[in-house]
Amino acid sequence: VALDGVGFDVSAGQICGLIGPNGAGKTTLFNCLSRLYRYER
């Protein structure tokens, strides 16, 4: 499970930092935003 029910909002004009140790799922989420990966739920 690379991402497990992750949810958050970012408002227009905000700078949002996404942090976590290696393997936390950060790049997976980026790849979902870029449509390189599909999310199943």
ModelCIF file with pLDDT and N, C-alpha, C, O atoms, coordinates in Angstrom:
data_MODEL
#
_entry.id   MODEL 
#
_entity.id                         1 
_entity.type                       polymer 
_entity.pdbx_number_of_molecules   1 
#
_entity_poly.entity_id                      1 
_entity_poly.type                           'polypeptide(L)' 
_entity_poly.nstd_linkage                   no 
_entity_poly.nstd_monomer                   no 
_entity_poly.pdbx_seq_one_letter_code       VALDGVGFDVSAGQICGLIGPNGAGKTTLFNCLSRLYRYER 
_entity_poly.pdbx_seq_one_letter_code_can   VALDGVGFDVSAGQICGLIGPNGAGKTTLFNCLSRLYRYER 
_entity_poly.pdbx_strand_id                 A 
#
loop_
_entity_poly_seq.entity_id 
_entity_poly_seq.num 
_entity_poly_seq.mon_id 
_entity_poly_seq.hetero 
1 1  VAL n 
1 2  ALA n 
1 3  LEU n 
1 4  ASP n 
1 5  GLY n 
1 6  VAL n 
1 7  GLY n 
1 8  PHE n 
1 9  ASP n 
1 10 VAL n 
1 11 SER n 
1 12 ALA n 
1 13 GLY n 
1 14 GLN n 
1 15 ILE n 
1 16 CYS n 
1 17 GLY n 
1 18 LEU n 
1 19 ILE n 
1 20 GLY n 
1 21 PRO n 
1 22 ASN n 
1 23 GLY n 
1 24 ALA n 
1 25 GLY n 
1 26 LYS n 
1 27 THR n 
1 28 THR n 
1 29 LEU n 
1 30 PHE n 
1 31 ASN n 
1 32 CYS n 
1 33 LEU n 
1 34 SER n 
1 35 ARG n 
1 36 LEU n 
1 37 TYR n 
1 38 ARG n 
1 39 TYR n 
1 40 GLU n 
1 41 ARG n 
#
_struct_asym.id          A 
_struct_asym.entity_id   1 
#
loop_
_ma_qa_metric.id 
_ma_qa_metric.mode 
_ma_qa_metric.name 
_ma_qa_metric.software_group_id 
_ma_qa_metric.type 
1 global pLDDT . pLDDT 
2 local  pLDDT . pLDDT 
#
_ma_qa_metric_global.metric_id      1 
_ma_qa_metric_global.metric_value   95.02 
_ma_qa_metric_global.model_id       1 
_ma_qa_metric_global.ordinal_id     1 
#
loop_
_ma_qa_metric_local.label_asym_id 
_ma_qa_metric_local.label_comp_id 
_ma_qa_metric_local.label_seq_id 
_ma_qa_metric_local.metric_id 
_ma_qa_metric_local.metric_value 
_ma_qa_metric_local.model_id 
_ma_qa_metric_local.ordinal_id 
A VAL 1  2 94.00 1 1  
A ALA 2  2 96.00 1 2  
A LEU 3  2 97.00 1 3  
A ASP 4  2 97.00 1 4  
A GLY 5  2 97.00 1 5  
A VAL 6  2 98.00 1 6  
A GLY 7  2 98.00 1 7  
A PHE 8  2 98.00 1 8  
A ASP 9  2 98.00 1 9  
A VAL 10 2 98.00 1 10 
A SER 11 2 97.00 1 11 
A ALA 12 2 97.00 1 12 
A GLY 13 2 97.00 1 13 
A GLN 14 2 97.00 1 14 
A ILE 15 2 98.00 1 15 
A CYS 16 2 98.00 1 16 
A GLY 17 2 97.00 1 17 
A LEU 18 2 97.00 1 18 
A ILE 19 2 96.00 1 19 
A GLY 20 2 94.00 1 20 
A PRO 21 2 92.00 1 21 
A ASN 22 2 90.00 1 22 
A GLY 23 2 89.00 1 23 
A ALA 24 2 93.00 1 24 
A GLY 25 2 95.00 1 25 
A LYS 26 2 95.00 1 26 
A THR 27 2 93.00 1 27 
A THR 28 2 95.00 1 28 
A LEU 29 2 96.00 1 29 
A PHE 30 2 94.00 1 30 
A ASN 31 2 94.00 1 31 
A CYS 32 2 95.00 1 32 
A LEU 33 2 95.00 1 33 
A SER 34 2 92.00 1 34 
A ARG 35 2 92.00 1 35 
A LEU 36 2 91.00 1 36 
A TYR 37 2 93.00 1 37 
A ARG 38 2 92.00 1 38 
A TYR 39 2 94.00 1 39 
A GLU 40 2 92.00 1 40 
A ARG 41 2 95.00 1 41 
#
loop_
_atom_site.group_PDB 
_atom_site.id 
_atom_site.type_symbol 
_atom_site.label_atom_id 
_atom_site.label_alt_id 
_atom_site.label_comp_id 
_atom_site.label_asym_id 
_atom_site.label_entity_id 
_atom_site.label_seq_id 
_atom_site.pdbx_PDB_ins_code 
_atom_site.Cartn_x 
_atom_site.Cartn_y 
_atom_site.Cartn_z 
_atom_site.occupancy 
_atom_site.B_iso_or_equiv 
_atom_site.pdbx_formal_charge 
_atom_site.auth_seq_id 
_atom_site.auth_comp_id 
_atom_site.auth_asym_id 
_atom_site.auth_atom_id 
_atom_site.pdbx_PDB_model_num 
ATOM 1   N N  . VAL A 1 1  ? 0.866   -1.190 0.000   1.00 94.00 ? 1  VAL A N  1 
ATOM 2   C CA . VAL A 1 1  ? 0.000   0.000  0.000   1.00 94.00 ? 1  VAL A CA 1 
ATOM 3   C C  . VAL A 1 1  ? 0.898   1.234  0.000   1.00 94.00 ? 1  VAL A C  1 
ATOM 4   O O  . VAL A 1 1  ? 1.520   1.557  1.012   1.00 94.00 ? 1  VAL A O  1 
ATOM 5   N N  . ALA A 1 2  ? 0.961   1.922  -1.143  1.00 96.00 ? 2  ALA A N  1 
ATOM 6   C CA . ALA A 1 2  ? 1.828   3.100  -1.271  1.00 96.00 ? 2  ALA A CA 1 
ATOM 7   C C  . ALA A 1 2  ? 1.159   4.345  -0.709  1.00 96.00 ? 2  ALA A C  1 
ATOM 8   O O  . ALA A 1 2  ? 1.822   5.191  -0.109  1.00 96.00 ? 2  ALA A O  1 
ATOM 9   N N  . LEU A 1 3  ? -0.160  4.461  -0.900  1.00 97.00 ? 3  LEU A N  1 
ATOM 10  C CA . LEU A 1 3  ? -0.957  5.539  -0.306  1.00 97.00 ? 3  LEU A CA 1 
ATOM 11  C C  . LEU A 1 3  ? -2.205  4.921  0.296   1.00 97.00 ? 3  LEU A C  1 
ATOM 12  O O  . LEU A 1 3  ? -2.887  4.118  -0.341  1.00 97.00 ? 3  LEU A O  1 
ATOM 13  N N  . ASP A 1 4  ? -2.494  5.306  1.532   1.00 97.00 ? 4  ASP A N  1 
ATOM 14  C CA . ASP A 1 4  ? -3.567  4.652  2.286   1.00 97.00 ? 4  ASP A CA 1 
ATOM 15  C C  . ASP A 1 4  ? -4.590  5.688  2.744   1.00 97.00 ? 4  ASP A C  1 
ATOM 16  O O  . ASP A 1 4  ? -4.525  6.173  3.873   1.00 97.00 ? 4  ASP A O  1 
ATOM 17  N N  . GLY A 1 5  ? -5.547  6.028  1.854   1.00 97.00 ? 5  GLY A N  1 
ATOM 18  C CA . GLY A 1 5  ? -6.615  6.957  2.221   1.00 97.00 ? 5  GLY A CA 1 
ATOM 19  C C  . GLY A 1 5  ? -6.139  8.355  2.531   1.00 97.00 ? 5  GLY A C  1 
ATOM 20  O O  . GLY A 1 5  ? -6.604  8.969  3.492   1.00 97.00 ? 5  GLY A O  1 
ATOM 21  N N  . VAL A 1 6  ? -5.210  8.877  1.725   1.00 98.00 ? 6  VAL A N  1 
ATOM 22  C CA . VAL A 1 6  ? -4.639  10.209 1.978   1.00 98.00 ? 6  VAL A CA 1 
ATOM 23  C C  . VAL A 1 6  ? -5.599  11.295 1.498   1.00 98.00 ? 6  VAL A C  1 
ATOM 24  O O  . VAL A 1 6  ? -6.147  11.214 0.398   1.00 98.00 ? 6  VAL A O  1 
ATOM 25  N N  . GLY A 1 7  ? -5.793  12.304 2.333   1.00 98.00 ? 7  GLY A N  1 
ATOM 26  C CA . GLY A 1 7  ? -6.640  13.427 1.961   1.00 98.00 ? 7  GLY A CA 1 
ATOM 27  C C  . GLY A 1 7  ? -6.148  14.735 2.557   1.00 98.00 ? 7  GLY A C  1 
ATOM 28  O O  . GLY A 1 7  ? -5.767  14.781 3.727   1.00 98.00 ? 7  GLY A O  1 
ATOM 29  N N  . PHE A 1 8  ? -6.152  15.802 1.760   1.00 98.00 ? 8  PHE A N  1 
ATOM 30  C CA . PHE A 1 8  ? -5.850  17.161 2.237   1.00 98.00 ? 8  PHE A CA 1 
ATOM 31  C C  . PHE A 1 8  ? -6.251  18.148 1.147   1.00 98.00 ? 8  PHE A C  1 
ATOM 32  O O  . PHE A 1 8  ? -6.407  17.773 -0.015  1.00 98.00 ? 8  PHE A O  1 
ATOM 33  N N  . ASP A 1 9  ? -6.415  19.413 1.532   1.00 98.00 ? 9  ASP A N  1 
ATOM 34  C CA . ASP A 1 9  ? -6.780  20.487 0.596   1.00 98.00 ? 9  ASP A CA 1 
ATOM 35  C C  . ASP A 1 9  ? -5.667  21.522 0.553   1.00 98.00 ? 9  ASP A C  1 
ATOM 36  O O  . ASP A 1 9  ? -4.981  21.757 1.548   1.00 98.00 ? 9  ASP A O  1 
ATOM 37  N N  . VAL A 1 10 ? -5.497  22.136 -0.609  1.00 98.00 ? 10 VAL A N  1 
ATOM 38  C CA . VAL A 1 10 ? -4.553  23.249 -0.748  1.00 98.00 ? 10 VAL A CA 1 
ATOM 39  C C  . VAL A 1 10 ? -5.310  24.410 -1.383  1.00 98.00 ? 10 VAL A C  1 
ATOM 40  O O  . VAL A 1 10 ? -5.883  24.271 -2.463  1.00 98.00 ? 10 VAL A O  1 
ATOM 41  N N  . SER A 1 11 ? -5.307  25.556 -0.704  1.00 97.00 ? 11 SER A N  1 
ATOM 42  C CA . SER A 1 11 ? -6.001  26.747 -1.219  1.00 97.00 ? 11 SER A CA 1 
ATOM 43  C C  . SER A 1 11 ? -5.151  27.452 -2.264  1.00 97.00 ? 11 SER A C  1 
ATOM 44  O O  . SER A 1 11 ? -3.925  27.340 -2.262  1.00 97.00 ? 11 SER A O  1 
ATOM 45  N N  . ALA A 1 12 ? -5.814  28.179 -3.156  1.00 97.00 ? 12 ALA A N  1 
ATOM 46  C CA . ALA A 1 12 ? -5.116  28.958 -4.184  1.00 97.00 ? 12 ALA A CA 1 
ATOM 47  C C  . ALA A 1 12 ? -4.155  29.944 -3.523  1.00 97.00 ? 12 ALA A C  1 
ATOM 48  O O  . ALA A 1 12 ? -4.503  30.606 -2.545  1.00 97.00 ? 12 ALA A O  1 
ATOM 49  N N  . GLY A 1 13 ? -2.939  30.032 -4.072  1.00 97.00 ? 13 GLY A N  1 
ATOM 50  C CA . GLY A 1 13 ? -1.945  30.972 -3.573  1.00 97.00 ? 13 GLY A CA 1 
ATOM 51  C C  . GLY A 1 13 ? -1.100  30.462 -2.426  1.00 97.00 ? 13 GLY A C  1 
ATOM 52  O O  . GLY A 1 13 ? -0.197  31.159 -1.965  1.00 97.00 ? 13 GLY A O  1 
ATOM 53  N N  . GLN A 1 14 ? -1.383  29.242 -1.952  1.00 97.00 ? 14 GLN A N  1 
ATOM 54  C CA . GLN A 1 14 ? -0.612  28.670 -0.846  1.00 97.00 ? 14 GLN A CA 1 
ATOM 55  C C  . GLN A 1 14 ? 0.645   27.962 -1.349  1.00 97.00 ? 14 GLN A C  1 
ATOM 56  O O  . GLN A 1 14 ? 0.687   27.475 -2.479  1.00 97.00 ? 14 GLN A O  1 
ATOM 57  N N  . ILE A 1 15 ? 1.655   27.912 -0.503  1.00 98.00 ? 15 ILE A N  1 
ATOM 58  C CA . ILE A 1 15 ? 2.802   27.028 -0.709  1.00 98.00 ? 15 ILE A CA 1 
ATOM 59  C C  . ILE A 1 15 ? 2.647   25.911 0.308   1.00 98.00 ? 15 ILE A C  1 
ATOM 60  O O  . ILE A 1 15 ? 2.681   26.146 1.516   1.00 98.00 ? 15 ILE A O  1 
ATOM 61  N N  . CYS A 1 16 ? 2.475   24.689 -0.191  1.00 98.00 ? 16 CYS A N  1 
ATOM 62  C CA . CYS A 1 16 ? 2.262   23.525 0.673   1.00 98.00 ? 16 CYS A CA 1 
ATOM 63  C C  . CYS A 1 16 ? 3.441   22.584 0.542   1.00 98.00 ? 16 CYS A C  1 
ATOM 64  O O  . CYS A 1 16 ? 3.771   22.152 -0.562  1.00 98.00 ? 16 CYS A O  1 
ATOM 65  N N  . GLY A 1 17 ? 4.082   22.261 1.662   1.00 97.00 ? 17 GLY A N  1 
ATOM 66  C CA . GLY A 1 17 ? 5.185   21.314 1.681   1.00 97.00 ? 17 GLY A CA 1 
ATOM 67  C C  . GLY A 1 17 ? 4.689   19.918 2.010   1.00 97.00 ? 17 GLY A C  1 
ATOM 68  O O  . GLY A 1 17 ? 3.899   19.735 2.937   1.00 97.00 ? 17 GLY A O  1 
ATOM 69  N N  . LEU A 1 18 ? 5.151   18.937 1.254   1.00 97.00 ? 18 LEU A N  1 
ATOM 70  C CA . LEU A 1 18 ? 4.789   17.534 1.475   1.00 97.00 ? 18 LEU A CA 1 
ATOM 71  C C  . LEU A 1 18 ? 6.032   16.819 1.970   1.00 97.00 ? 18 LEU A C  1 
ATOM 72  O O  . LEU A 1 18 ? 7.009   16.684 1.233   1.00 97.00 ? 18 LEU A O  1 
ATOM 73  N N  . ILE A 1 19 ? 6.001   16.352 3.232   1.00 96.00 ? 19 ILE A N  1 
ATOM 74  C CA . ILE A 1 19 ? 7.200   15.779 3.838   1.00 96.00 ? 19 ILE A CA 1 
ATOM 75  C C  . ILE A 1 19 ? 6.934   14.345 4.294   1.00 96.00 ? 19 ILE A C  1 
ATOM 76  O O  . ILE A 1 19 ? 5.789   13.896 4.356   1.00 96.00 ? 19 ILE A O  1 
ATOM 77  N N  . GLY A 1 20 ? 8.016   13.643 4.609   1.00 94.00 ? 20 GLY A N  1 
ATOM 78  C CA . GLY A 1 20 ? 7.930   12.277 5.111   1.00 94.00 ? 20 GLY A CA 1 
ATOM 79  C C  . GLY A 1 20 ? 9.217   11.546 4.803   1.00 94.00 ? 20 GLY A C  1 
ATOM 80  O O  . GLY A 1 20 ? 9.936   11.919 3.875   1.00 94.00 ? 20 GLY A O  1 
ATOM 81  N N  . PRO A 1 21 ? 9.522   10.499 5.576   1.00 92.00 ? 21 PRO A N  1 
ATOM 82  C CA . PRO A 1 21 ? 10.733  9.714  5.316   1.00 92.00 ? 21 PRO A CA 1 
ATOM 83  C C  . PRO A 1 21 ? 10.667  9.046  3.943   1.00 92.00 ? 21 PRO A C  1 
ATOM 84  O O  . PRO A 1 21 ? 9.614   9.040  3.305   1.00 92.00 ? 21 PRO A O  1 
ATOM 85  N N  . ASN A 1 22 ? 11.793  8.483  3.485   1.00 90.00 ? 22 ASN A N  1 
ATOM 86  C CA . ASN A 1 22 ? 11.800  7.729  2.231   1.00 90.00 ? 22 ASN A CA 1 
ATOM 87  C C  . ASN A 1 22 ? 10.748  6.631  2.293   1.00 90.00 ? 22 ASN A C  1 
ATOM 88  O O  . ASN A 1 22 ? 10.597  5.955  3.311   1.00 90.00 ? 22 ASN A O  1 
ATOM 89  N N  . GLY A 1 23 ? 10.017  6.463  1.181   1.00 89.00 ? 23 GLY A N  1 
ATOM 90  C CA . GLY A 1 23 ? 8.992   5.425  1.133   1.00 89.00 ? 23 GLY A CA 1 
ATOM 91  C C  . GLY A 1 23 ? 7.666   5.824  1.752   1.00 89.00 ? 23 GLY A C  1 
ATOM 92  O O  . GLY A 1 23 ? 6.774   4.989  1.899   1.00 89.00 ? 23 GLY A O  1 
ATOM 93  N N  . ALA A 1 24 ? 7.525   7.108  2.122   1.00 93.00 ? 24 ALA A N  1 
ATOM 94  C CA . ALA A 1 24 ? 6.290   7.558  2.780   1.00 93.00 ? 24 ALA A CA 1 
ATOM 95  C C  . ALA A 1 24 ? 5.123   7.695  1.809   1.00 93.00 ? 24 ALA A C  1 
ATOM 96  O O  . ALA A 1 24 ? 3.965   7.682  2.225   1.00 93.00 ? 24 ALA A O  1 
ATOM 97  N N  . GLY A 1 25 ? 5.423   7.828  0.498   1.00 95.00 ? 25 GLY A N  1 
ATOM 98  C CA . GLY A 1 25 ? 4.354   7.959  -0.501  1.00 95.00 ? 25 GLY A CA 1 
ATOM 99  C C  . GLY A 1 25 ? 4.308   9.304  -1.199  1.00 95.00 ? 25 GLY A C  1 
ATOM 100 O O  . GLY A 1 25 ? 3.383   9.578  -1.964  1.00 95.00 ? 25 GLY A O  1 
ATOM 101 N N  . LYS A 1 26 ? 5.311   10.156 -0.938  1.00 95.00 ? 26 LYS A N  1 
ATOM 102 C CA . LYS A 1 26 ? 5.296   11.517 -1.493  1.00 95.00 ? 26 LYS A CA 1 
ATOM 103 C C  . LYS A 1 26 ? 5.355   11.511 -3.029  1.00 95.00 ? 26 LYS A C  1 
ATOM 104 O O  . LYS A 1 26 ? 4.543   12.152 -3.696  1.00 95.00 ? 26 LYS A O  1 
ATOM 105 N N  . THR A 1 27 ? 6.324   10.780 -3.567  1.00 93.00 ? 27 THR A N  1 
ATOM 106 C CA . THR A 1 27 ? 6.473   10.745 -5.028  1.00 93.00 ? 27 THR A CA 1 
ATOM 107 C C  . THR A 1 27 ? 5.300   10.023 -5.679  1.00 93.00 ? 27 THR A C  1 
ATOM 108 O O  . THR A 1 27 ? 4.885   10.381 -6.781  1.00 93.00 ? 27 THR A O  1 
ATOM 109 N N  . THR A 1 28 ? 4.764   9.011  -5.006  1.00 95.00 ? 28 THR A N  1 
ATOM 110 C CA . THR A 1 28 ? 3.572   8.318  -5.521  1.00 95.00 ? 28 THR A CA 1 
ATOM 111 C C  . THR A 1 28 ? 2.425   9.309  -5.691  1.00 95.00 ? 28 THR A C  1 
ATOM 112 O O  . THR A 1 28 ? 1.722   9.292  -6.702  1.00 95.00 ? 28 THR A O  1 
ATOM 113 N N  . LEU A 1 29 ? 2.244   10.167 -4.697  1.00 96.00 ? 29 LEU A N  1 
ATOM 114 C CA . LEU A 1 29 ? 1.171   11.160 -4.781  1.00 96.00 ? 29 LEU A CA 1 
ATOM 115 C C  . LEU A 1 29 ? 1.423   12.133 -5.932  1.00 96.00 ? 29 LEU A C  1 
ATOM 116 O O  . LEU A 1 29 ? 0.498   12.468 -6.672  1.00 96.00 ? 29 LEU A O  1 
ATOM 117 N N  . PHE A 1 30 ? 2.664   12.588 -6.087  1.00 94.00 ? 30 PHE A N  1 
ATOM 118 C CA . PHE A 1 30 ? 3.009   13.466 -7.214  1.00 94.00 ? 30 PHE A CA 1 
ATOM 119 C C  . PHE A 1 30 ? 2.689   12.792 -8.543  1.00 94.00 ? 30 PHE A C  1 
ATOM 120 O O  . PHE A 1 30 ? 2.172   13.422 -9.465  1.00 94.00 ? 30 PHE A O  1 
ATOM 121 N N  . ASN A 1 31 ? 3.008   11.495 -8.626  1.00 94.00 ? 31 ASN A N  1 
ATOM 122 C CA . ASN A 1 31 ? 2.766   10.764 -9.872  1.00 94.00 ? 31 ASN A CA 1 
ATOM 123 C C  . ASN A 1 31 ? 1.271   10.571 -10.127 1.00 94.00 ? 31 ASN A C  1 
ATOM 124 O O  . ASN A 1 31 ? 0.852   10.454 -11.279 1.00 94.00 ? 31 ASN A O  1 
ATOM 125 N N  . CYS A 1 32 ? 0.468   10.538 -9.072  1.00 95.00 ? 32 CYS A N  1 
ATOM 126 C CA . CYS A 1 32 ? -0.992  10.513 -9.244  1.00 95.00 ? 32 CYS A CA 1 
ATOM 127 C C  . CYS A 1 32 ? -1.491  11.863 -9.765  1.00 95.00 ? 32 CYS A C  1 
ATOM 128 O O  . CYS A 1 32 ? -2.365  11.915 -10.630 1.00 95.00 ? 32 CYS A O  1 
ATOM 129 N N  . LEU A 1 33 ? -0.934  12.946 -9.236  1.00 95.00 ? 33 LEU A N  1 
ATOM 130 C CA . LEU A 1 33 ? -1.310  14.286 -9.693  1.00 95.00 ? 33 LEU A CA 1 
ATOM 131 C C  . LEU A 1 33 ? -0.935  14.500 -11.153 1.00 95.00 ? 33 LEU A C  1 
ATOM 132 O O  . LEU A 1 33 ? -1.635  15.208 -11.878 1.00 95.00 ? 33 LEU A O  1 
ATOM 133 N N  . SER A 1 34 ? 0.173   13.888 -11.589 1.00 92.00 ? 34 SER A N  1 
ATOM 134 C CA . SER A 1 34 ? 0.626   14.009 -12.975 1.00 92.00 ? 34 SER A CA 1 
ATOM 135 C C  . SER A 1 34 ? -0.028  12.979 -13.886 1.00 92.00 ? 34 SER A C  1 
ATOM 136 O O  . SER A 1 34 ? 0.199   12.980 -15.096 1.00 92.00 ? 34 SER A O  1 
ATOM 137 N N  . ARG A 1 35 ? -0.845  12.095 -13.300 1.00 92.00 ? 35 ARG A N  1 
ATOM 138 C CA . ARG A 1 35 ? -1.534  11.021 -14.018 1.00 92.00 ? 35 ARG A CA 1 
ATOM 139 C C  . ARG A 1 35 ? -0.576  9.955  -14.541 1.00 92.00 ? 35 ARG A C  1 
ATOM 140 O O  . ARG A 1 35 ? -0.917  9.212  -15.461 1.00 92.00 ? 35 ARG A O  1 
ATOM 141 N N  . LEU A 1 36 ? 0.642   9.876  -13.950 1.00 91.00 ? 36 LEU A N  1 
ATOM 142 C CA . LEU A 1 36 ? 1.566   8.788  -14.298 1.00 91.00 ? 36 LEU A CA 1 
ATOM 143 C C  . LEU A 1 36 ? 1.127   7.503  -13.610 1.00 91.00 ? 36 LEU A C  1 
ATOM 144 O O  . LEU A 1 36 ? 1.360   6.408  -14.123 1.00 91.00 ? 36 LEU A O  1 
ATOM 145 N N  . TYR A 1 37 ? 0.484   7.636  -12.434 1.00 93.00 ? 37 TYR A N  1 
ATOM 146 C CA . TYR A 1 37 ? -0.092  6.494  -11.717 1.00 93.00 ? 37 TYR A CA 1 
ATOM 147 C C  . TYR A 1 37 ? -1.600  6.687  -11.605 1.00 93.00 ? 37 TYR A C  1 
ATOM 148 O O  . TYR A 1 37 ? -2.095  7.813  -11.558 1.00 93.00 ? 37 TYR A O  1 
ATOM 149 N N  . ARG A 1 38 ? -2.319  5.566  -11.563 1.00 92.00 ? 38 ARG A N  1 
ATOM 150 C CA . ARG A 1 38 ? -3.755  5.600  -11.294 1.00 92.00 ? 38 ARG A CA 1 
ATOM 151 C C  . ARG A 1 38 ? -3.994  5.351  -9.804  1.00 92.00 ? 38 ARG A C  1 
ATOM 152 O O  . ARG A 1 38 ? -3.284  4.566  -9.175  1.00 92.00 ? 38 ARG A O  1 
ATOM 153 N N  . TYR A 1 39 ? -4.976  6.011  -9.264  1.00 94.00 ? 39 TYR A N  1 
ATOM 154 C CA . TYR A 1 39 ? -5.384  5.691  -7.889  1.00 94.00 ? 39 TYR A CA 1 
ATOM 155 C C  . TYR A 1 39 ? -6.603  4.803  -7.958  1.00 94.00 ? 39 TYR A C  1 
ATOM 156 O O  . TYR A 1 39 ? -7.480  5.001  -8.799  1.00 94.00 ? 39 TYR A O  1 
ATOM 157 N N  . GLU A 1 40 ? -6.661  3.802  -7.054  1.00 92.00 ? 40 GLU A N  1 
ATOM 158 C CA . GLU A 1 40 ? -7.762  2.833  -7.135  1.00 92.00 ? 40 GLU A CA 1 
ATOM 159 C C  . GLU A 1 40 ? -8.947  3.219  -6.275  1.00 92.00 ? 40 GLU A C  1 
ATOM 160 O O  . GLU A 1 40 ? -10.048 2.696  -6.451  1.00 92.00 ? 40 GLU A O  1 
ATOM 161 N N  . ARG A 1 41 ? -8.722  4.145  -5.333  1.00 95.00 ? 41 ARG A N  1 
ATOM 162 C CA . ARG A 1 41 ? -9.829  4.621  -4.518  1.00 95.00 ? 41 ARG A CA 1 
ATOM 163 C C  . ARG A 1 41 ? -9.645  6.098  -4.259  1.00 95.00 ? 41 ARG A C  1 
ATOM 164 O O  . ARG A 1 41 ? -10.470 6.715  -3.586  1.00 95.00 ? 41 ARG A O  1 
#
